[in-house]
């Protein structure tokens, strides 16, 4: 079955002015008090999460494995009058695609668990190579510890609107013996109380526990991270019941 990330048109149904403002508030909260003028998102997708940071004045660069996603990101940036540098590459090799370091290097959209835990750690090393001393490493991800503890089968999104189209999204989660998961994404597009389009996708994830990520950041020389729910509403709050969280940590000055 197809991956959602090969269908940028369906992926972007989630974006609207309300979500865009939520993401802008998120970055205002996360970056408050930090010297972040340049930011690289190594899983930028169509820019839904990090283009709002560029609207706040951050110089944004991005990379992604999907050329179609990057093309949508490029168009949206142009429509908003934003200058952005984009590269098509695997985030496990991202350090060879950028010649400078950044104030912040990020991975957004729960993208890290698409690869093995070992490759996530390799990706953090690649990201770290592009963080200037004293800069920040950021990622957001589903709360895999909570998922593995509770093992929910269904995940329902509140209906949302894209123009006159009501979009209904349900996920069904399968748990496998090799500790991987398959997410089945079921979209129903509706107008005038009639479903006129159905789309089905599968995404394969490899859950990674928070302590593995924290241990790696410590080994790389990062200080105590700030962890909060995603999108961020209150800095420094770690709601253990949150479905999604984000983390930002500062790199040592003498690394």
Protein backbone atom coordinates (compact mmCIF):
# COMPACT_ATOMS: atom_id res chain seq x y z
CA UNK A 1 0.00 0.00 0.00
CA UNK A 2 1.18 3.53 -0.78
CA UNK A 3 2.93 5.81 1.67
CA UNK A 4 1.32 9.13 2.55
CA UNK A 5 4.66 10.79 1.85
CA UNK A 6 4.27 10.01 -1.85
CA UNK A 7 1.05 12.06 -1.85
CA UNK A 8 1.92 15.60 -0.90
CA UNK A 9 -1.59 16.68 -1.95
CA UNK A 10 -3.23 14.50 0.72
CA UNK A 11 -0.52 15.24 3.30
CA UNK A 12 -1.18 18.97 2.99
CA UNK A 13 -4.90 18.61 3.67
CA UNK A 14 -3.93 18.92 7.34
CA UNK A 15 -2.59 22.43 6.85
CA UNK A 16 -4.79 25.46 7.43
CA UNK A 17 -4.43 28.91 8.99
CA UNK A 18 -5.27 27.61 12.46
CA UNK A 19 -2.58 24.91 12.41
CA UNK A 20 -0.12 27.38 10.90
CA UNK A 21 -0.71 29.77 13.80
CA UNK A 22 -0.33 26.90 16.29
CA UNK A 23 3.07 26.06 14.79
CA UNK A 24 4.12 29.71 14.88
CA UNK A 25 3.22 29.90 18.58
CA UNK A 26 5.11 26.63 19.09
CA UNK A 27 8.34 28.09 17.72
CA UNK A 28 7.89 31.35 19.62
CA UNK A 29 7.67 29.24 22.79
CA UNK A 30 10.51 26.83 21.99
CA UNK A 31 12.98 29.45 20.78
CA UNK A 32 12.25 32.12 23.38
CA UNK A 33 15.49 33.31 24.99
CA UNK A 34 17.68 31.33 22.57
CA UNK A 35 20.05 32.75 19.96
CA UNK A 36 18.60 30.95 16.94
CA UNK A 37 18.89 32.85 13.67
CA UNK A 38 19.49 29.85 11.38
CA UNK A 39 17.60 26.55 11.47
CA UNK A 40 17.92 23.36 9.42
CA UNK A 41 15.04 20.88 9.39
CA UNK A 42 16.35 17.51 8.16
CA UNK A 43 12.82 16.16 7.62
CA UNK A 44 11.15 19.34 6.42
CA UNK A 45 8.50 17.65 4.26
CA UNK A 46 6.21 20.30 2.77
CA UNK A 47 7.24 22.76 5.47
CA UNK A 48 4.07 22.61 7.57
CA UNK A 49 5.98 22.63 10.86
CA UNK A 50 9.00 24.84 10.16
CA UNK A 51 7.88 27.41 7.57
CA UNK A 52 6.12 29.24 10.44
CA UNK A 53 9.56 29.57 12.08
CA UNK A 54 10.78 31.30 8.92
CA UNK A 55 7.81 33.65 9.19
CA UNK A 56 9.21 34.65 12.58
CA UNK A 57 12.46 35.74 10.92
CA UNK A 58 14.52 32.54 11.26
CA UNK A 59 16.68 31.76 8.21
CA UNK A 60 15.37 28.31 7.25
CA UNK A 61 17.03 25.46 5.39
CA UNK A 62 15.55 22.02 4.90
CA UNK A 63 16.15 18.55 3.58
CA UNK A 64 13.91 15.59 2.87
CA UNK A 65 14.00 12.27 1.04
CA UNK A 66 10.88 13.16 -0.99
CA UNK A 67 11.37 15.45 -3.98
CA UNK A 68 7.59 15.92 -4.24
CA UNK A 69 7.39 17.12 -0.64
CA UNK A 70 10.26 19.54 -1.21
CA UNK A 71 8.60 20.94 -4.32
CA UNK A 72 5.46 21.73 -2.32
CA UNK A 73 7.61 23.29 0.40
CA UNK A 74 9.40 25.43 -2.18
CA UNK A 75 6.10 26.65 -3.64
CA UNK A 76 4.64 27.50 -0.24
CA UNK A 77 7.79 29.40 0.74
CA UNK A 78 7.66 31.39 -2.50
CA UNK A 79 3.98 32.19 -1.98
CA UNK A 80 4.82 33.58 1.46
CA UNK A 81 7.83 35.54 0.23
CA UNK A 82 10.26 33.37 2.20
CA UNK A 83 13.80 32.53 1.10
CA UNK A 84 14.63 28.89 1.86
CA UNK A 85 17.43 26.49 0.93
CA UNK A 86 16.36 22.89 0.23
CA UNK A 87 18.28 19.68 -0.42
CA UNK A 88 16.92 16.24 -1.34
CA UNK A 89 18.76 13.70 0.80
CA UNK A 90 18.51 11.00 3.45
CA UNK A 91 18.84 12.45 6.95
CA UNK A 92 21.26 9.63 7.79
CA UNK A 93 23.72 11.34 5.42
CA UNK A 94 22.67 14.96 5.84
CA UNK A 95 26.03 16.27 7.10
CA UNK A 96 27.58 15.78 3.64
CA UNK A 97 24.91 17.97 1.99
CA UNK A 98 25.40 21.21 3.92
CA UNK A 99 28.66 23.14 4.12
CA UNK A 100 27.91 25.23 7.21
CA UNK A 101 26.73 24.82 10.77
CA UNK A 102 23.41 26.12 12.10
CA UNK A 103 22.12 27.64 15.31
CA UNK A 104 19.55 24.83 15.45
CA UNK A 105 19.21 21.53 13.61
CA UNK A 106 15.80 19.89 13.82
CA UNK A 107 13.89 16.82 12.78
CA UNK A 108 10.14 17.41 12.68
CA UNK A 109 7.04 15.35 11.95
CA UNK A 110 7.85 12.21 13.97
CA UNK A 111 10.31 11.32 11.21
CA UNK A 112 13.12 9.70 13.20
CA UNK A 113 11.24 6.42 13.93
CA UNK A 114 11.00 5.65 10.22
CA UNK A 115 14.47 4.12 10.55
CA UNK A 116 15.97 1.62 12.99
CA UNK A 117 16.99 2.73 16.48
CA UNK A 118 20.63 2.35 15.40
CA UNK A 119 20.02 4.60 12.41
CA UNK A 120 18.23 7.15 14.60
CA UNK A 121 21.40 7.40 16.67
CA UNK A 122 23.44 7.75 13.47
CA UNK A 123 21.08 10.50 12.34
CA UNK A 124 21.55 12.36 15.63
CA UNK A 125 25.30 12.23 15.00
CA UNK A 126 24.76 13.65 11.51
CA UNK A 127 22.55 16.40 12.89
CA UNK A 128 25.05 17.15 15.64
CA UNK A 129 27.81 17.65 13.06
CA UNK A 130 25.78 20.57 11.68
CA UNK A 131 25.05 22.23 15.06
CA UNK A 132 27.43 25.04 15.95
CA UNK A 133 29.00 24.99 19.43
CA UNK A 134 26.42 26.45 21.78
CA UNK A 135 23.64 25.74 19.26
CA UNK A 136 20.63 23.48 19.63
CA UNK A 137 19.41 20.09 18.48
CA UNK A 138 15.63 19.66 18.28
CA UNK A 139 13.19 16.91 17.39
CA UNK A 140 9.55 16.09 17.87
CA UNK A 141 8.14 12.57 18.00
CA UNK A 142 5.22 10.52 19.15
CA UNK A 143 5.36 9.42 22.77
CA UNK A 144 6.53 5.90 22.02
CA UNK A 145 6.93 4.99 25.69
CA UNK A 146 3.23 5.69 26.21
CA UNK A 147 2.25 3.82 23.04
CA UNK A 148 4.23 0.71 23.97
CA UNK A 149 2.77 0.75 27.48
CA UNK A 150 -0.87 1.20 26.51
CA UNK A 151 -0.84 -0.43 23.04
CA UNK A 152 -3.85 1.43 21.64
CA UNK A 153 -5.34 0.00 18.48
CA UNK A 154 -7.11 3.08 17.11
CA UNK A 155 -6.12 6.75 16.92
CA UNK A 156 -8.85 9.18 15.90
CA UNK A 157 -8.31 12.76 14.77
CA UNK A 158 -11.00 15.42 15.22
CA UNK A 159 -12.55 16.22 11.82
CA UNK A 160 -10.97 19.26 10.16
CA UNK A 161 -11.79 21.38 7.14
CA UNK A 162 -9.82 22.22 4.01
CA UNK A 163 -11.94 24.85 2.33
CA UNK A 164 -15.40 23.33 1.92
CA UNK A 165 -14.06 19.80 2.33
CA UNK A 166 -14.41 18.04 5.66
CA UNK A 167 -11.52 15.63 6.21
CA UNK A 168 -11.96 12.61 8.49
CA UNK A 169 -8.81 10.74 9.50
CA UNK A 170 -8.57 7.50 11.46
CA UNK A 171 -5.42 5.49 12.15
CA UNK A 172 -5.36 1.77 12.94
CA UNK A 173 -2.15 0.51 14.54
CA UNK A 174 -0.69 -2.98 14.22
CA UNK A 175 2.01 -4.21 16.63
CA UNK A 176 4.51 -6.75 15.29
CA UNK A 177 6.66 -9.36 17.03
CA UNK A 178 9.85 -7.65 15.81
CA UNK A 179 8.89 -4.55 17.83
CA UNK A 180 7.92 -2.56 14.74
CA UNK A 181 4.51 -1.06 14.01
CA UNK A 182 2.34 -0.44 10.98
CA UNK A 183 0.04 2.57 10.96
CA UNK A 184 -2.94 2.31 8.60
CA UNK A 185 -4.18 5.80 7.68
CA UNK A 186 -7.77 6.02 6.50
CA UNK A 187 -8.94 9.32 4.97
CA UNK A 188 -12.53 10.13 4.07
CA UNK A 189 -13.15 13.43 2.24
CA UNK A 190 -16.66 14.77 2.54
CA UNK A 191 -18.78 17.57 1.05
CA UNK A 192 -22.51 18.16 1.53
CA UNK A 193 -22.65 15.19 3.94
CA UNK A 194 -21.36 12.87 1.20
CA UNK A 195 -18.01 11.07 1.08
CA UNK A 196 -16.59 11.73 -2.37
CA UNK A 197 -13.04 10.43 -1.92
CA UNK A 198 -11.33 7.76 0.15
CA UNK A 199 -7.58 7.33 0.55
CA UNK A 200 -5.66 4.57 2.34
CA UNK A 201 -1.98 4.58 3.31
CA UNK A 202 0.44 2.52 5.39
CA UNK A 203 3.42 3.78 7.34
CA UNK A 204 6.00 1.54 9.02
CA UNK A 205 7.56 2.73 12.29
CA UNK A 206 10.22 1.47 14.67
CA UNK A 207 9.42 2.85 18.15
CA UNK A 208 12.30 4.38 20.07
CA UNK A 209 12.20 4.98 23.80
CA UNK A 210 13.05 8.35 25.25
CA UNK A 211 15.92 7.13 27.42
CA UNK A 212 17.79 5.92 24.30
CA UNK A 213 17.54 9.39 22.80
CA UNK A 214 18.53 11.13 26.03
CA UNK A 215 21.56 8.89 26.53
CA UNK A 216 22.77 9.63 23.01
CA UNK A 217 22.41 13.38 23.46
CA UNK A 218 24.39 13.17 26.68
CA UNK A 219 27.14 11.23 24.90
CA UNK A 220 27.22 13.91 22.20
CA UNK A 221 27.83 16.60 24.82
CA UNK A 222 24.40 18.21 25.10
CA UNK A 223 23.11 19.73 28.31
CA UNK A 224 19.88 18.95 30.11
CA UNK A 225 17.14 19.08 27.47
CA UNK A 226 13.86 20.95 27.60
CA UNK A 227 11.03 18.50 26.92
CA UNK A 228 7.41 19.47 26.49
CA UNK A 229 4.28 18.43 24.66
CA UNK A 230 4.06 19.11 20.95
CA UNK A 231 2.95 21.64 19.93
CA UNK A 232 4.50 23.49 22.85
CA UNK A 233 2.17 25.52 25.02
CA UNK A 234 4.07 25.68 28.32
CA UNK A 235 7.86 25.52 28.29
CA UNK A 236 9.45 22.88 30.45
CA UNK A 237 6.25 20.90 31.03
CA UNK A 238 6.43 17.17 30.30
CA UNK A 239 2.91 15.79 30.31
CA UNK A 240 3.55 12.05 30.43
CA UNK A 241 0.10 11.49 28.99
CA UNK A 242 0.86 13.57 25.90
CA UNK A 243 0.58 11.75 22.58
CA UNK A 244 3.47 13.71 21.08
CA UNK A 245 6.43 15.53 22.59
CA UNK A 246 9.34 17.69 21.50
CA UNK A 247 12.84 18.08 22.84
CA UNK A 248 15.46 20.79 22.46
CA UNK A 249 18.96 20.56 23.93
CA UNK A 250 21.98 22.88 23.84
CA UNK A 251 25.36 21.75 22.59
CA UNK A 252 28.40 22.43 24.74
CA UNK A 253 30.50 25.42 23.72
CA UNK A 254 33.74 23.44 23.58
CA UNK A 255 32.58 20.36 21.69
